Amino acid sequence: MDRIRREVLTATAATAAVTVAQSALAQPASGASRSGFYEKNGVRIRYQEVGSGFPLLALPGRGLNSQIAGWSSHAIDPMETHKDDFRIIAMDQRNATGGQSTGPVPVDKPWDAYADDQLGMMDHLGIGKFLVYGNCMSALFALKLIERAPDRVLAAVLAQPVGYQPEFPDQMYNHVVKTWAVEYRRTHPTFSEADAVKMATNMFRSPADFTYVVSREFVKNCQTPLYVLPDQTQAHSYKVAIEVASLAPNASVNVYPWMQPPELRARTAERVRVFLKTHQG
């Protein structure tokens, strides 16, 4: 009986060892990239993950052409600089030129539709609470996510945020009508110029003020920790970035300018990492 018992225990241990080894092999290395698709109601979203740790939704810039590949051209690429600290999830926004995400064009409520895509993808991945890094127009996506899911977004980095500037009142409106929509209509001729105008109006003229997507009153009452990296271009408003940082009760603002020299940019990336680490769940 003792011999039989020893043989059973040995076999069980061996099986367990094989199972553990197979499980370890199935887990991607922290530096390995993983990609996939999330689909719902005619929308198909391509996403990519890298790293491990607390989830960080990283949304690159380039307006409606926000896509994973865009990170490589930004001043800070969290998919590279922070992959050892977080489970980073990036995505191609719906119908971004050059991206792989597709779906109906959200003419009537575009901000909500993009938030639905982002939150739905996180649900698909089994992620409840997460951090957000939004660059350029994606800083506005981050603000919309905080408005829609304040209990899920634990903190957000708003890098080079877009904002209304009276000196360039049509900058973002024209991005939709004269840039993104022109390219999109080449392969989708049923999407009319009138549709593009309506979408641009709903995004950037209703109202043409502040962040476009949330009000000053919302930001004033926003308890979510924010870290603002200001910039000043025709699309990125330094004034709006500073106003957001001034109004939000739990906001911090980075020194400006911060992109050059490279040593300062590296220190800024480290400050971002510390901020996100401080507020992860």
Protein backbone atom coordinates (compact mmCIF):
# COMPACT_ATOMS: atom_id res chain seq x y z
CA MET A 1 0.00 0.00 0.00
CA ASP A 2 2.87 2.36 0.84
CA ARG A 3 4.48 1.62 -2.52
CA ILE A 4 1.21 2.31 -4.39
CA ARG A 5 0.68 5.48 -2.39
CA ARG A 6 4.21 6.70 -3.25
CA GLU A 7 3.63 5.98 -6.93
CA VAL A 8 0.33 7.88 -6.94
CA LEU A 9 1.89 10.88 -5.20
CA THR A 10 4.84 10.85 -7.60
CA ALA A 11 2.56 10.72 -10.63
CA THR A 12 0.38 13.52 -9.22
CA ALA A 13 3.42 15.70 -8.58
CA ALA A 14 4.72 15.08 -12.09
CA THR A 15 1.36 15.98 -13.61
CA ALA A 16 1.22 19.15 -11.55
CA ALA A 17 4.73 20.10 -12.62
CA VAL A 18 3.82 19.65 -16.29
CA THR A 19 0.66 21.74 -15.81
CA VAL A 20 2.61 24.55 -14.15
CA ALA A 21 5.22 24.46 -16.91
CA GLN A 22 2.57 24.57 -19.63
CA SER A 23 0.84 27.46 -17.88
CA ALA A 24 4.11 29.37 -17.63
CA LEU A 25 4.76 28.83 -21.32
CA ALA A 26 1.26 30.09 -22.16
CA GLN A 27 1.85 33.41 -20.37
CA PRO A 28 3.40 36.04 -22.68
CA ALA A 29 6.62 37.65 -21.53
CA SER A 30 6.11 41.10 -20.01
CA GLY A 31 7.85 42.71 -23.00
CA ALA A 32 5.92 40.70 -25.59
CA SER A 33 3.15 42.38 -27.56
CA ARG A 34 -0.31 40.78 -27.74
CA SER A 35 -3.06 41.90 -30.10
CA GLY A 36 -6.66 41.06 -30.83
CA PHE A 37 -10.08 42.38 -31.78
CA TYR A 38 -13.18 43.35 -29.81
CA GLU A 39 -16.50 43.26 -31.68
CA LYS A 40 -19.94 44.55 -30.74
CA ASN A 41 -22.93 45.92 -32.66
CA GLY A 42 -21.08 46.20 -35.96
CA VAL A 43 -18.00 47.80 -34.40
CA ARG A 44 -14.68 45.97 -34.64
CA ILE A 45 -11.84 47.38 -32.55
CA ARG A 46 -8.23 46.31 -32.90
CA TYR A 47 -6.23 46.50 -29.68
CA GLN A 48 -2.70 45.73 -28.63
CA GLU A 49 -1.22 45.00 -25.20
CA VAL A 50 2.30 45.12 -23.86
CA GLY A 51 3.77 44.75 -20.39
CA SER A 52 2.20 43.55 -17.16
CA GLY A 53 0.87 45.12 -14.00
CA PHE A 54 -2.01 47.50 -13.35
CA PRO A 55 -3.98 48.33 -16.55
CA LEU A 56 -3.14 51.57 -18.37
CA LEU A 57 -5.30 52.54 -21.35
CA ALA A 58 -2.96 54.45 -23.67
CA LEU A 59 -4.74 56.54 -26.30
CA PRO A 60 -2.44 58.23 -28.85
CA GLY A 61 -3.05 61.49 -30.66
CA ARG A 62 -3.74 62.39 -34.30
CA GLY A 63 -7.42 63.23 -33.76
CA LEU A 64 -9.85 60.83 -35.40
CA ASN A 65 -6.83 59.05 -36.89
CA SER A 66 -5.70 57.94 -33.43
CA GLN A 67 -4.14 54.51 -33.84
CA ILE A 68 -1.61 52.26 -32.13
CA ALA A 69 1.20 53.08 -34.56
CA GLY A 70 0.92 56.75 -33.67
CA TRP A 71 2.62 56.29 -30.32
CA SER A 72 6.05 55.92 -31.91
CA SER A 73 5.92 59.54 -33.14
CA HIS A 74 4.89 61.12 -29.81
CA ALA A 75 7.18 62.87 -27.33
CA ILE A 76 6.48 60.14 -24.76
CA ASP A 77 5.53 56.64 -25.87
CA PRO A 78 4.14 54.87 -22.77
CA MET A 79 4.05 51.56 -24.65
CA GLU A 80 7.84 51.73 -24.63
CA THR A 81 8.75 53.84 -21.59
CA HIS A 82 6.25 52.30 -19.15
CA LYS A 83 5.90 48.71 -20.35
CA ASP A 84 7.88 47.42 -17.36
CA ASP A 85 5.43 49.03 -14.92
CA PHE A 86 1.94 48.56 -16.36
CA ARG A 87 -0.26 46.37 -18.50
CA ILE A 88 -0.64 48.85 -21.34
CA ILE A 89 -3.59 48.61 -23.73
CA ALA A 90 -3.69 50.67 -26.92
CA MET A 91 -6.23 50.66 -29.73
CA ASP A 92 -7.03 51.95 -33.19
CA GLN A 93 -10.00 54.28 -32.87
CA ARG A 94 -13.02 53.44 -34.97
CA ASN A 95 -12.41 54.23 -38.68
CA ALA A 96 -9.00 55.83 -38.12
CA THR A 97 -7.20 56.19 -41.45
CA GLY A 98 -4.57 53.46 -41.67
CA GLY A 99 -5.98 51.62 -38.67
CA GLN A 100 -7.80 48.30 -38.44
CA SER A 101 -10.86 49.33 -36.39
CA THR A 102 -14.13 49.74 -38.25
CA GLY A 103 -17.76 50.51 -37.58
CA PRO A 104 -20.63 52.88 -38.28
CA VAL A 105 -19.60 56.54 -38.25
CA PRO A 106 -21.01 58.09 -35.05
CA VAL A 107 -22.44 61.28 -36.51
CA ASP A 108 -24.93 62.20 -33.79
CA LYS A 109 -23.10 61.46 -30.50
CA PRO A 110 -19.48 60.89 -31.49
CA TRP A 111 -17.86 61.47 -28.08
CA ASP A 112 -20.17 58.93 -26.45
CA ALA A 113 -19.63 56.42 -29.25
CA TYR A 114 -15.85 56.52 -28.88
CA ALA A 115 -16.22 56.15 -25.10
CA ASP A 116 -18.48 53.13 -25.71
CA ASP A 117 -15.73 51.56 -27.84
CA GLN A 118 -13.07 52.19 -25.20
CA LEU A 119 -15.12 51.00 -22.24
CA GLY A 120 -16.44 48.02 -24.19
CA MET A 121 -12.92 46.96 -25.08
CA MET A 122 -11.86 47.14 -21.42
CA ASP A 123 -14.92 45.07 -20.48
CA HIS A 124 -13.93 42.55 -23.16
CA LEU A 125 -10.50 42.26 -21.56
CA GLY A 126 -12.03 41.76 -18.12
CA ILE A 127 -10.65 45.07 -16.81
CA GLY A 128 -12.67 47.00 -14.25
CA LYS A 129 -10.58 49.86 -12.91
CA PHE A 130 -7.75 51.37 -14.95
CA LEU A 131 -5.52 54.37 -15.59
CA VAL A 132 -5.61 56.49 -18.77
CA TYR A 133 -2.91 58.26 -20.75
CA GLY A 134 -4.48 60.45 -23.45
CA ASN A 135 -2.39 62.44 -25.93
CA CYS A 136 -3.63 65.37 -28.05
CA MET A 137 -7.33 64.85 -28.85
CA SER A 138 -7.21 61.63 -26.87
CA ALA A 139 -6.82 63.77 -23.75
CA LEU A 140 -10.44 64.69 -24.47
CA PHE A 141 -11.30 61.00 -24.79
CA ALA A 142 -9.78 60.62 -21.31
CA LEU A 143 -11.97 63.41 -19.91
CA LYS A 144 -15.05 61.81 -21.47
CA LEU A 145 -14.13 58.45 -19.91
CA ILE A 146 -13.88 60.12 -16.50
CA GLU A 147 -17.31 61.67 -17.02
CA ARG A 148 -18.81 58.36 -18.15
CA ALA A 149 -17.04 56.03 -15.71
CA PRO A 150 -15.64 58.00 -12.75
CA ASP A 151 -15.56 54.87 -10.60
CA ARG A 152 -13.36 53.04 -13.12
CA VAL A 153 -10.80 55.65 -14.18
CA LEU A 154 -8.49 56.01 -11.18
CA ALA A 155 -6.25 58.72 -12.68
CA ALA A 156 -5.46 60.25 -16.07
CA VAL A 157 -2.55 61.89 -17.83
CA LEU A 158 -3.63 64.65 -20.23
CA ALA A 159 -0.69 65.15 -22.59
CA GLN A 160 -0.68 68.04 -25.07
CA PRO A 161 -4.47 68.42 -24.71
CA VAL A 162 -6.57 69.85 -27.49
CA GLY A 163 -8.68 72.87 -26.53
CA TYR A 164 -10.64 75.68 -28.11
CA GLN A 165 -8.57 78.68 -29.18
CA PRO A 166 -10.30 81.78 -30.59
CA GLU A 167 -7.19 82.41 -32.73
CA PHE A 168 -7.76 79.05 -34.48
CA PRO A 169 -11.51 78.46 -34.09
CA ASP A 170 -11.89 75.93 -36.91
CA GLN A 171 -8.74 73.87 -36.33
CA MET A 172 -10.43 70.72 -35.04
CA TYR A 173 -13.63 71.19 -37.06
CA ASN A 174 -11.52 71.23 -40.23
CA HIS A 175 -9.62 68.16 -39.07
CA VAL A 176 -12.89 66.22 -39.29
CA VAL A 177 -14.34 67.79 -42.44
CA LYS A 178 -11.26 68.50 -44.55
CA THR A 179 -8.84 65.80 -43.45
CA TRP A 180 -10.34 62.69 -41.86
CA ALA A 181 -13.67 62.71 -43.77
CA VAL A 182 -12.05 63.34 -47.17
CA GLU A 183 -9.93 60.23 -46.75
CA TYR A 184 -12.77 58.16 -45.31
CA ARG A 185 -15.15 59.05 -48.16
CA ARG A 186 -12.73 57.65 -50.74
CA THR A 187 -13.64 54.15 -49.61
CA HIS A 188 -17.09 54.95 -48.16
CA PRO A 189 -18.84 57.18 -50.73
CA THR A 190 -22.22 56.87 -48.99
CA PHE A 191 -20.81 58.95 -46.13
CA SER A 192 -21.67 62.42 -47.38
CA GLU A 193 -20.05 65.79 -46.81
CA ALA A 194 -23.20 66.76 -44.91
CA ASP A 195 -22.59 63.81 -42.57
CA ALA A 196 -19.04 65.02 -41.99
CA VAL A 197 -20.24 68.54 -41.24
CA LYS A 198 -22.81 67.24 -38.78
CA MET A 199 -20.26 65.06 -37.01
CA ALA A 200 -17.71 67.89 -36.81
CA THR A 201 -20.37 70.25 -35.49
CA ASN A 202 -21.38 67.80 -32.78
CA MET A 203 -17.76 67.33 -31.74
CA PHE A 204 -16.26 70.79 -32.03
CA ARG A 205 -19.02 73.39 -32.24
CA SER A 206 -21.50 72.11 -29.67
CA PRO A 207 -20.05 74.02 -27.93
CA ALA A 208 -16.96 75.61 -29.44
CA ASP A 209 -15.46 76.28 -26.04
CA PHE A 210 -12.95 75.04 -23.48
CA THR A 211 -12.30 71.28 -23.93
CA TYR A 212 -15.25 70.72 -26.31
CA VAL A 213 -16.15 67.51 -24.46
CA VAL A 214 -16.70 68.47 -20.79
CA SER A 215 -17.60 71.74 -19.10
CA ARG A 216 -15.68 73.89 -16.65
CA GLU A 217 -18.24 72.95 -14.01
CA PHE A 218 -17.49 69.27 -14.55
CA VAL A 219 -13.72 69.80 -14.28
CA LYS A 220 -14.20 71.95 -11.17
CA ASN A 221 -15.98 69.03 -9.48
CA CYS A 222 -13.81 66.26 -10.92
CA GLN A 223 -12.18 64.29 -8.10
CA THR A 224 -10.10 62.09 -10.41
CA PRO A 225 -6.37 62.84 -10.13
CA LEU A 226 -5.05 64.46 -13.32
CA TYR A 227 -1.51 65.11 -14.53
CA VAL A 228 -1.41 67.74 -17.27
CA LEU A 229 1.42 68.08 -19.79
CA PRO A 230 0.75 71.43 -21.54
CA ASP A 231 1.66 72.30 -25.09
CA GLN A 232 0.94 75.18 -27.49
CA THR A 233 0.15 74.60 -31.16
CA GLN A 234 -2.83 75.42 -33.36
CA ALA A 235 -4.56 72.32 -31.95
CA HIS A 236 -3.01 72.08 -28.47
CA SER A 237 -4.11 74.92 -26.22
CA TYR A 238 -1.73 75.95 -23.44
CA LYS A 239 -4.44 78.18 -21.96
CA VAL A 240 -7.02 75.38 -21.77
CA ALA A 241 -4.44 72.96 -20.35
CA ILE A 242 -3.58 75.39 -17.55
CA GLU A 243 -7.25 76.14 -16.92
CA VAL A 244 -8.02 72.42 -16.55
CA ALA A 245 -5.11 72.06 -14.12
CA SER A 246 -6.28 75.13 -12.19
CA LEU A 247 -9.92 74.06 -11.93
CA ALA A 248 -9.56 70.36 -11.15
CA PRO A 249 -9.09 69.91 -7.37
CA ASN A 250 -6.71 66.94 -7.72
CA ALA A 251 -4.69 68.07 -10.73
CA SER A 252 -0.95 68.60 -11.14
CA VAL A 253 0.70 70.39 -14.04
CA ASN A 254 4.11 69.70 -15.53
CA VAL A 255 6.69 72.35 -16.35
CA TYR A 256 6.37 73.80 -19.86
CA PRO A 257 8.08 73.35 -22.26
CA TRP A 258 8.97 69.75 -21.44
CA MET A 259 9.72 67.98 -24.75
CA GLN A 260 13.27 69.27 -25.21
CA PRO A 261 16.05 68.68 -24.42
CA PRO A 262 15.84 64.87 -24.28
CA GLU A 263 16.94 64.86 -20.62
CA LEU A 264 13.94 66.98 -19.64
CA ARG A 265 11.60 64.78 -21.68
CA ALA A 266 13.01 61.72 -19.88
CA ARG A 267 12.46 63.35 -16.48
CA THR A 268 8.90 64.17 -17.50
CA ALA A 269 8.29 60.54 -18.47
CA GLU A 270 9.56 59.53 -15.02
CA ARG A 271 7.20 62.02 -13.34
CA VAL A 272 4.34 60.50 -15.34
CA ARG A 273 5.37 57.02 -14.22
CA VAL A 274 5.47 58.07 -10.54
CA PHE A 275 2.08 59.79 -10.85
CA LEU A 276 0.47 56.70 -12.38
CA LYS A 277 2.11 54.37 -9.87
CA THR A 278 0.85 56.53 -7.02
CA HIS A 279 -2.74 56.26 -8.17
CA GLN A 280 -2.95 52.66 -9.39
CA GLY A 281 -5.36 50.40 -7.58
